[in-house]
Amino acid sequence: MKVSPSLLPILRSRTQGELLALVLLHPEREYTITELAADIGVTPTAVLREVDRLTGGGILAERKVGRSRLVRARTDTPLYRPLSDLMSVSFGPLPVLTEALTGLEGVRRSFIYGSWAARYSGEPGPPPADVDVLVVGDPDPDALFDLAEDVSRRLRREVNVHRVSAEAWHAPTDDPFLTSVRERPLVELNLDVEA
């Protein structure tokens, strides 16, 4: 089980936070246990335990199709909106930014850095006021600006996107910004992009 989250310490674990954020912030979608496990990087058994707790509590719904269990958010309860809002501002950056950046032309890799990444990695501290994102590649600057604006609205907090070329990211540097980013916690987004 992943360690207790500094992003939202009222949750049991980071796994629970990631699962809730992924499912609640995509209420139109159903996930298999295997998909959820792959998306949040834990075993299907760990996901199954969380899903059992959350369906038992009326937060998630499930249905069986053959041998597969399909899981989705229950949007018909009074808990959905406030819990979804809470997940959006705490664990939301990971699934929302992954979705927004996947397939954006010119993006080779992307990372969340700064205070959000530090809390996600378990460093204690105050809740992050904003989300800092590093995009490696050469995407259109206007597309990145629009993406940051859209994601900021969805997450209800400022999202700052910094772009760096793949060459600059991989090269040794004395650039103070890149040095600082590399020395602190980084959370890489799983964009499934060919390098």
Protein backbone atom coordinates (compact mmCIF):
# COMPACT_ATOMS: atom_id res chain seq x y z
CA MET A 1 0.00 0.00 0.00
CA LYS A 2 1.22 3.50 -0.82
CA VAL A 3 2.02 5.78 2.11
CA SER A 4 -0.53 8.06 3.72
CA PRO A 5 -0.99 11.13 1.54
CA SER A 6 0.30 14.58 2.47
CA LEU A 7 -2.02 16.02 -0.19
CA LEU A 8 -5.13 15.05 1.74
CA PRO A 9 -4.23 13.47 5.09
CA ILE A 10 -7.82 12.49 5.88
CA LEU A 11 -7.55 9.63 3.36
CA ARG A 12 -6.25 6.18 4.28
CA SER A 13 -3.63 6.05 1.53
CA ARG A 14 -2.34 7.60 -1.64
CA THR A 15 -3.85 4.63 -3.51
CA GLN A 16 -7.29 5.60 -2.22
CA GLY A 17 -6.75 9.23 -3.27
CA GLU A 18 -5.56 8.30 -6.74
CA LEU A 19 -8.42 5.87 -7.26
CA LEU A 20 -11.06 8.34 -6.11
CA ALA A 21 -9.61 11.15 -8.23
CA LEU A 22 -9.45 9.02 -11.36
CA VAL A 23 -12.98 7.64 -11.08
CA LEU A 24 -14.77 10.68 -9.63
CA LEU A 25 -13.20 13.13 -12.08
CA HIS A 26 -14.28 10.97 -15.02
CA PRO A 27 -17.89 10.14 -14.04
CA GLU A 28 -18.85 9.28 -17.62
CA ARG A 29 -16.40 6.39 -17.75
CA GLU A 30 -16.35 2.82 -16.44
CA TYR A 31 -13.06 1.14 -15.51
CA THR A 32 -12.09 -2.48 -15.07
CA ILE A 33 -10.09 -3.41 -11.97
CA THR A 34 -7.10 -4.11 -14.25
CA GLU A 35 -7.34 -0.66 -15.90
CA LEU A 36 -7.52 1.07 -12.53
CA ALA A 37 -4.52 -0.89 -11.24
CA ALA A 38 -2.46 0.00 -14.32
CA ASP A 39 -3.49 3.67 -14.24
CA ILE A 40 -2.55 4.19 -10.60
CA GLY A 41 0.39 1.79 -10.49
CA VAL A 42 -0.71 -0.74 -7.88
CA THR A 43 -1.78 -4.38 -7.91
CA PRO A 44 -5.30 -5.39 -8.91
CA THR A 45 -5.69 -6.85 -5.40
CA ALA A 46 -5.02 -3.43 -3.83
CA VAL A 47 -7.54 -1.81 -6.18
CA LEU A 48 -10.10 -4.52 -5.45
CA ARG A 49 -9.86 -3.86 -1.69
CA GLU A 50 -10.41 -0.12 -2.21
CA VAL A 51 -13.24 -0.68 -4.68
CA ASP A 52 -14.97 -3.03 -2.23
CA ARG A 53 -14.76 -0.37 0.52
CA LEU A 54 -15.93 2.44 -1.75
CA THR A 55 -18.82 0.50 -3.31
CA GLY A 56 -19.86 -0.64 0.17
CA GLY A 57 -19.91 3.02 1.21
CA GLY A 58 -22.02 4.04 -1.77
CA ILE A 59 -19.33 6.20 -3.37
CA LEU A 60 -18.66 3.94 -6.36
CA ALA A 61 -20.95 1.62 -8.31
CA GLU A 62 -20.01 -1.55 -10.09
CA ARG A 63 -21.51 -4.01 -12.50
CA LYS A 64 -20.29 -7.32 -13.86
CA VAL A 65 -19.84 -8.07 -17.52
CA GLY A 66 -18.72 -11.65 -17.88
CA ARG A 67 -15.80 -12.05 -15.50
CA SER A 68 -14.98 -8.32 -15.45
CA ARG A 69 -16.08 -5.87 -12.80
CA LEU A 70 -16.76 -2.41 -14.22
CA VAL A 71 -16.45 0.45 -11.74
CA ARG A 72 -17.81 3.98 -12.06
CA ALA A 73 -18.60 6.99 -9.88
CA ARG A 74 -22.02 7.17 -8.26
CA THR A 75 -23.20 10.62 -9.24
CA ASP A 76 -26.69 10.15 -7.76
CA THR A 77 -25.67 10.64 -4.13
CA PRO A 78 -25.21 13.80 -2.03
CA LEU A 79 -21.56 12.78 -1.51
CA TYR A 80 -20.59 12.94 -5.19
CA ARG A 81 -20.21 16.70 -5.75
CA PRO A 82 -18.32 17.61 -2.54
CA LEU A 83 -16.10 14.53 -2.75
CA SER A 84 -15.42 15.18 -6.43
CA ASP A 85 -14.48 18.78 -5.60
CA LEU A 86 -12.16 17.60 -2.84
CA MET A 87 -10.47 15.09 -5.15
CA SER A 88 -10.12 17.74 -7.85
CA VAL A 89 -8.14 20.12 -5.64
CA SER A 90 -6.03 17.43 -3.97
CA PHE A 91 -5.30 14.44 -6.22
CA GLY A 92 -6.88 15.85 -9.39
CA PRO A 93 -3.76 17.22 -11.10
CA LEU A 94 -2.44 13.77 -11.97
CA PRO A 95 -5.44 12.39 -13.92
CA VAL A 96 -6.56 15.76 -15.30
CA LEU A 97 -3.13 16.79 -16.60
CA THR A 98 -2.46 13.30 -17.96
CA GLU A 99 -5.71 13.45 -19.91
CA ALA A 100 -5.06 17.01 -21.14
CA LEU A 101 -1.47 16.41 -22.27
CA THR A 102 -1.93 12.96 -23.81
CA GLY A 103 -1.80 13.31 -27.55
CA LEU A 104 -0.81 16.99 -27.59
CA GLU A 105 1.52 17.30 -30.54
CA GLY A 106 5.15 17.95 -29.65
CA VAL A 107 4.99 16.73 -26.04
CA ARG A 108 7.60 14.06 -25.35
CA ARG A 109 7.40 13.91 -21.55
CA SER A 110 5.77 15.86 -18.78
CA PHE A 111 6.27 16.22 -15.04
CA ILE A 112 4.55 17.88 -12.11
CA TYR A 113 7.12 19.56 -9.88
CA GLY A 114 7.11 22.01 -6.99
CA SER A 115 4.96 21.85 -3.87
CA TRP A 116 2.30 19.55 -5.36
CA ALA A 117 4.93 16.96 -6.32
CA ALA A 118 6.54 17.29 -2.89
CA ARG A 119 3.23 16.64 -1.07
CA TYR A 120 2.43 13.78 -3.45
CA SER A 121 5.82 12.27 -2.62
CA GLY A 122 5.02 12.45 1.09
CA GLU A 123 6.88 15.59 2.12
CA PRO A 124 4.95 17.40 4.85
CA GLY A 125 3.90 20.97 4.35
CA PRO A 126 0.94 23.22 3.63
CA PRO A 127 -1.48 22.39 0.82
CA PRO A 128 -0.08 23.50 -2.55
CA ALA A 129 -1.51 26.77 -3.83
CA ASP A 130 -0.79 25.98 -7.47
CA VAL A 131 0.43 23.19 -9.74
CA ASP A 132 3.70 23.49 -11.63
CA VAL A 133 4.08 21.47 -14.82
CA LEU A 134 7.19 20.90 -16.92
CA VAL A 135 6.59 19.90 -20.53
CA VAL A 136 9.55 18.42 -22.39
CA GLY A 137 9.34 18.82 -26.15
CA ASP A 138 8.23 21.43 -28.63
CA PRO A 139 4.44 21.80 -28.40
CA ASP A 140 2.78 24.95 -29.65
CA PRO A 141 3.04 27.65 -26.93
CA ASP A 142 -0.54 28.83 -27.59
CA ALA A 143 -1.85 25.28 -27.19
CA LEU A 144 0.00 24.99 -23.86
CA PHE A 145 -1.40 28.32 -22.68
CA ASP A 146 -4.95 27.24 -23.56
CA LEU A 147 -4.37 23.87 -21.88
CA ALA A 148 -3.13 25.56 -18.69
CA GLU A 149 -6.19 27.84 -18.62
CA ASP A 150 -8.59 24.92 -19.11
CA VAL A 151 -6.91 22.72 -16.49
CA SER A 152 -6.76 25.64 -14.04
CA ARG A 153 -10.54 26.00 -14.33
CA ARG A 154 -11.10 22.27 -13.89
CA LEU A 155 -8.81 22.04 -10.85
CA ARG A 156 -9.86 25.38 -9.34
CA ARG A 157 -6.24 26.40 -8.86
CA GLU A 158 -3.56 27.99 -10.96
CA VAL A 159 -1.63 25.67 -13.25
CA ASN A 160 1.76 26.97 -14.43
CA VAL A 161 3.25 25.26 -17.48
CA HIS A 162 6.94 25.61 -18.29
CA ARG A 163 8.24 24.24 -21.59
CA VAL A 164 11.78 22.97 -22.17
CA SER A 165 13.28 21.31 -25.24
CA ALA A 166 14.17 17.63 -25.08
CA GLU A 167 17.80 18.55 -25.72
CA ALA A 168 17.89 20.98 -22.78
CA TRP A 169 16.17 18.47 -20.48
CA HIS A 170 18.62 15.66 -21.24
CA ALA A 171 21.81 17.76 -21.33
CA PRO A 172 23.97 18.61 -18.33
CA THR A 173 23.23 22.18 -17.31
CA ASP A 174 23.97 24.91 -14.84
CA ASP A 175 20.60 26.55 -15.52
CA PRO A 176 19.26 27.35 -12.03
CA PHE A 177 15.66 26.48 -12.99
CA LEU A 178 16.45 23.05 -14.42
CA THR A 179 18.87 22.29 -11.59
CA SER A 180 16.20 23.13 -9.02
CA VAL A 181 13.52 21.07 -10.79
CA ARG A 182 15.82 18.04 -11.09
CA GLU A 183 16.83 18.13 -7.42
CA ARG A 184 13.28 18.17 -6.02
CA PRO A 185 10.48 15.60 -6.30
CA LEU A 186 9.09 15.05 -9.78
CA VAL A 187 5.91 13.19 -10.67
CA GLU A 188 6.04 12.01 -14.27
CA LEU A 189 2.76 11.87 -16.14
CA ASN A 190 2.15 8.61 -18.00
CA LEU A 191 1.40 10.00 -21.46
CA ASP A 192 2.15 6.83 -23.46
CA VAL A 193 4.10 8.95 -25.94
CA GLU A 194 6.64 7.41 -28.29
CA ALA A 195 10.04 8.94 -27.50
